[in-house]
Amino acid sequence: AVVLCAYLEIGGIDLRDRSVIELGAGTGLLGIVATLLGTKALLDLRALYSKCCAHVTITDRAAALEFLESNVQANLPSELCPRAVVKELTWGKDLDNFPPGAFDFILGADIVYLEETFAELLQTLEHLCSEQTVILLSCRIRYERDHKFLKMLRGRFSVYEVHYDSSKDVHIYKAQKGSRKDDF
């Protein structure tokens, strides 16, 4: 999560007035940082928050939500808390609780590790994506199953490695529907 947070900050990715969802949030660090970066240029212009801020949905399974909500409340200024919504999402289930294709960015940090969840994760990504959605996934490639997931992802999306942090051995992949190579 730390590597993807740093990438978002230094990568020139503008999250203001964007709809963002984090999958498998755990502690919520990435969603919290996305919320803050979505207001980065406006911290002194509190009256403009409602017009130009990112809308971030931070998701995980039901068992993690209480801790996740607590972290969001503890680490965001009170005026930004409404911009970060904690919501239950088990991949592949109850996807009708999320509008199809409604997100500009889908973020995931270290969520590729259980092979039995790969099909549901891909189903969830497809549901949440429009043609313009940018998926950013950070992960270590440790096992053959990790390569298997990337192959599955490439079967449904255009996938490019956009960053590699050699000190932490973490790759960041950008994925989009179709064959677009547009910058974001």
Protein backbone atom coordinates (compact mmCIF):
# COMPACT_ATOMS: atom_id res chain seq x y z
CA ALA A 1 0.00 0.00 0.00
CA VAL A 2 2.85 2.36 0.83
CA VAL A 3 4.38 1.98 -2.65
CA LEU A 4 1.08 2.65 -4.41
CA CYS A 5 0.39 5.64 -2.12
CA ALA A 6 3.78 7.11 -3.04
CA TYR A 7 3.13 6.43 -6.72
CA LEU A 8 -0.21 8.24 -6.56
CA GLU A 9 1.43 11.23 -4.92
CA ILE A 10 4.46 11.57 -7.19
CA GLY A 11 2.90 10.13 -10.34
CA GLY A 12 0.94 13.26 -11.13
CA ILE A 13 -2.39 11.45 -10.88
CA ASP A 14 -5.16 13.95 -10.22
CA LEU A 15 -7.86 12.39 -8.07
CA ARG A 16 -9.82 15.60 -7.53
CA ASP A 17 -13.45 15.29 -8.58
CA ARG A 18 -12.91 11.59 -9.35
CA SER A 19 -14.72 8.51 -8.16
CA VAL A 20 -12.28 6.04 -6.59
CA ILE A 21 -12.77 2.59 -5.07
CA GLU A 22 -10.22 0.62 -3.10
CA LEU A 23 -10.59 -3.16 -3.04
CA GLY A 24 -9.47 -5.27 -0.08
CA ALA A 25 -8.53 -2.19 1.91
CA GLY A 26 -7.31 -3.85 5.13
CA THR A 27 -6.23 -0.87 7.24
CA GLY A 28 -7.54 1.62 4.67
CA LEU A 29 -4.22 3.40 4.16
CA LEU A 30 -4.57 3.59 0.39
CA GLY A 31 -8.18 4.87 0.53
CA ILE A 32 -7.27 7.43 3.18
CA VAL A 33 -4.34 8.70 1.10
CA ALA A 34 -6.53 8.79 -2.03
CA THR A 35 -9.06 10.91 -0.13
CA LEU A 36 -6.34 13.29 1.01
CA LEU A 37 -4.76 13.49 -2.45
CA GLY A 38 -8.18 14.17 -3.91
CA THR A 39 -8.21 17.39 -1.89
CA LYS A 40 -4.48 18.14 -2.00
CA ALA A 41 -4.72 21.51 -3.71
CA LEU A 42 -7.75 22.57 -1.71
CA LEU A 43 -6.73 22.12 1.91
CA ASP A 44 -7.03 25.84 2.59
CA LEU A 45 -10.19 26.31 0.57
CA ARG A 46 -12.61 24.34 2.71
CA ALA A 47 -15.65 25.88 1.01
CA LEU A 48 -14.69 24.14 -2.24
CA TYR A 49 -14.49 20.62 -0.77
CA SER A 50 -17.92 19.64 -1.99
CA LYS A 51 -17.19 20.71 -5.56
CA CYS A 52 -13.72 19.35 -6.27
CA CYS A 53 -12.95 16.46 -3.95
CA ALA A 54 -12.47 12.82 -4.72
CA HIS A 55 -15.26 10.47 -3.73
CA VAL A 56 -13.55 7.39 -2.31
CA THR A 57 -15.23 4.08 -1.51
CA ILE A 58 -13.04 1.94 0.73
CA THR A 59 -14.05 -1.73 0.68
CA ASP A 60 -13.30 -5.00 2.39
CA ARG A 61 -15.13 -8.04 3.74
CA ALA A 62 -17.58 -7.63 6.62
CA ALA A 63 -15.12 -8.81 9.28
CA ALA A 64 -12.72 -5.93 8.53
CA LEU A 65 -15.23 -3.06 8.38
CA GLU A 66 -15.27 -1.96 12.03
CA PHE A 67 -11.48 -1.60 12.15
CA LEU A 68 -11.44 0.01 8.72
CA GLU A 69 -14.09 2.57 9.67
CA SER A 70 -12.18 3.36 12.87
CA ASN A 71 -8.98 4.02 10.88
CA VAL A 72 -10.76 6.28 8.42
CA GLN A 73 -12.35 8.32 11.24
CA ALA A 74 -9.03 8.57 13.10
CA ASN A 75 -6.91 9.57 10.11
CA LEU A 76 -9.02 11.97 8.08
CA PRO A 77 -9.97 15.50 9.07
CA SER A 78 -13.64 15.54 10.07
CA GLU A 79 -14.63 17.66 7.07
CA LEU A 80 -13.20 15.01 4.72
CA CYS A 81 -14.79 11.97 6.38
CA PRO A 82 -17.96 12.25 4.26
CA ARG A 83 -15.72 11.89 1.16
CA ALA A 84 -14.54 8.43 2.24
CA VAL A 85 -17.25 5.79 2.51
CA VAL A 86 -16.46 2.40 4.03
CA LYS A 87 -18.53 -0.34 2.43
CA GLU A 88 -18.65 -4.12 2.46
CA LEU A 89 -17.52 -5.87 -0.69
CA THR A 90 -16.78 -9.54 -1.02
CA TRP A 91 -15.48 -10.06 -4.53
CA GLY A 92 -17.98 -11.63 -6.87
CA LYS A 93 -20.90 -11.22 -4.46
CA ASP A 94 -23.64 -8.57 -4.21
CA LEU A 95 -22.09 -6.57 -7.02
CA ASP A 96 -25.47 -4.96 -7.64
CA ASN A 97 -24.72 -2.86 -4.51
CA PHE A 98 -22.16 -1.04 -6.69
CA PRO A 99 -23.17 0.74 -9.90
CA PRO A 100 -21.50 -0.88 -12.91
CA GLY A 101 -18.74 1.18 -14.47
CA ALA A 102 -19.16 4.03 -12.00
CA PHE A 103 -15.54 4.47 -10.92
CA ASP A 104 -12.74 6.49 -12.49
CA PHE A 105 -10.06 4.62 -10.54
CA ILE A 106 -9.93 1.19 -8.93
CA LEU A 107 -7.07 0.71 -6.50
CA GLY A 108 -5.75 -2.47 -4.94
CA ALA A 109 -2.63 -3.08 -2.87
CA ASP A 110 -1.40 -6.61 -2.18
CA ILE A 111 -4.74 -8.19 -3.02
CA VAL A 112 -3.36 -10.83 -5.38
CA TYR A 113 -2.41 -13.75 -3.17
CA LEU A 114 -5.25 -16.29 -2.86
CA GLU A 115 -5.68 -18.19 -6.10
CA GLU A 116 -9.20 -19.26 -5.15
CA THR A 117 -10.28 -15.56 -5.23
CA PHE A 118 -8.86 -14.71 -8.68
CA ALA A 119 -12.05 -15.40 -10.68
CA GLU A 120 -14.18 -13.37 -8.25
CA LEU A 121 -11.66 -10.51 -8.24
CA LEU A 122 -11.72 -10.39 -12.05
CA GLN A 123 -15.53 -10.52 -12.06
CA THR A 124 -15.57 -7.60 -9.62
CA LEU A 125 -13.10 -5.57 -11.67
CA GLU A 126 -15.15 -6.11 -14.83
CA HIS A 127 -18.33 -5.02 -13.06
CA LEU A 128 -16.79 -1.86 -11.59
CA CYS A 129 -15.03 -0.77 -14.81
CA SER A 130 -16.11 1.40 -17.67
CA GLU A 131 -13.96 1.95 -20.77
CA GLN A 132 -12.41 4.98 -19.02
CA THR A 133 -11.70 3.34 -15.66
CA VAL A 134 -8.05 3.01 -14.65
CA ILE A 135 -7.13 0.07 -12.42
CA LEU A 136 -3.93 0.37 -10.41
CA LEU A 137 -2.74 -2.76 -8.61
CA SER A 138 0.43 -3.03 -6.57
CA CYS A 139 1.83 -6.42 -5.67
CA ARG A 140 4.87 -8.56 -5.22
CA ILE A 141 5.28 -11.34 -7.74
CA ARG A 142 6.29 -14.19 -5.44
CA TYR A 143 4.77 -17.35 -6.82
CA GLU A 144 3.63 -18.93 -10.06
CA ARG A 145 0.02 -18.20 -9.05
CA ASP A 146 0.82 -14.47 -9.16
CA HIS A 147 1.88 -14.85 -12.80
CA LYS A 148 -1.30 -16.83 -13.39
CA PHE A 149 -3.40 -13.92 -12.11
CA LEU A 150 -1.57 -11.46 -14.37
CA LYS A 151 -2.22 -13.76 -17.33
CA MET A 152 -5.93 -13.91 -16.39
CA LEU A 153 -6.00 -10.11 -16.02
CA ARG A 154 -4.36 -9.67 -19.43
CA GLY A 155 -7.05 -11.89 -20.92
CA ARG A 156 -9.70 -9.30 -20.00
CA PHE A 157 -7.84 -5.99 -19.78
CA SER A 158 -4.89 -4.16 -21.33
CA VAL A 159 -2.20 -4.38 -18.65
CA TYR A 160 1.05 -2.44 -18.35
CA GLU A 161 3.64 -2.32 -15.62
CA VAL A 162 3.93 1.39 -14.79
CA HIS A 163 6.29 1.28 -11.81
CA TYR A 164 8.67 -1.07 -10.02
CA ASP A 165 10.08 -0.34 -6.56
CA SER A 166 13.19 -2.50 -6.39
CA SER A 167 13.84 -1.71 -2.72
CA LYS A 168 10.51 -3.28 -1.75
CA ASP A 169 10.17 -5.62 -4.76
CA VAL A 170 6.70 -4.21 -5.54
CA HIS A 171 5.26 -3.85 -9.04
CA ILE A 172 2.45 -1.47 -9.97
CA TYR A 173 0.26 -2.47 -12.89
CA LYS A 174 -2.19 -0.30 -14.78
CA ALA A 175 -5.12 -2.08 -16.39
CA GLN A 176 -7.98 -0.84 -18.57
CA LYS A 177 -10.70 -2.36 -20.70
CA GLY A 178 -9.88 -2.44 -24.39
CA SER A 179 -6.53 -1.50 -25.83
CA ARG A 180 -6.32 2.13 -24.77
CA LYS A 181 -2.89 3.47 -23.90
CA ASP A 182 -4.16 6.89 -22.85
CA ASP A 183 -2.38 8.71 -20.10
CA PHE A 184 -4.38 9.46 -17.03
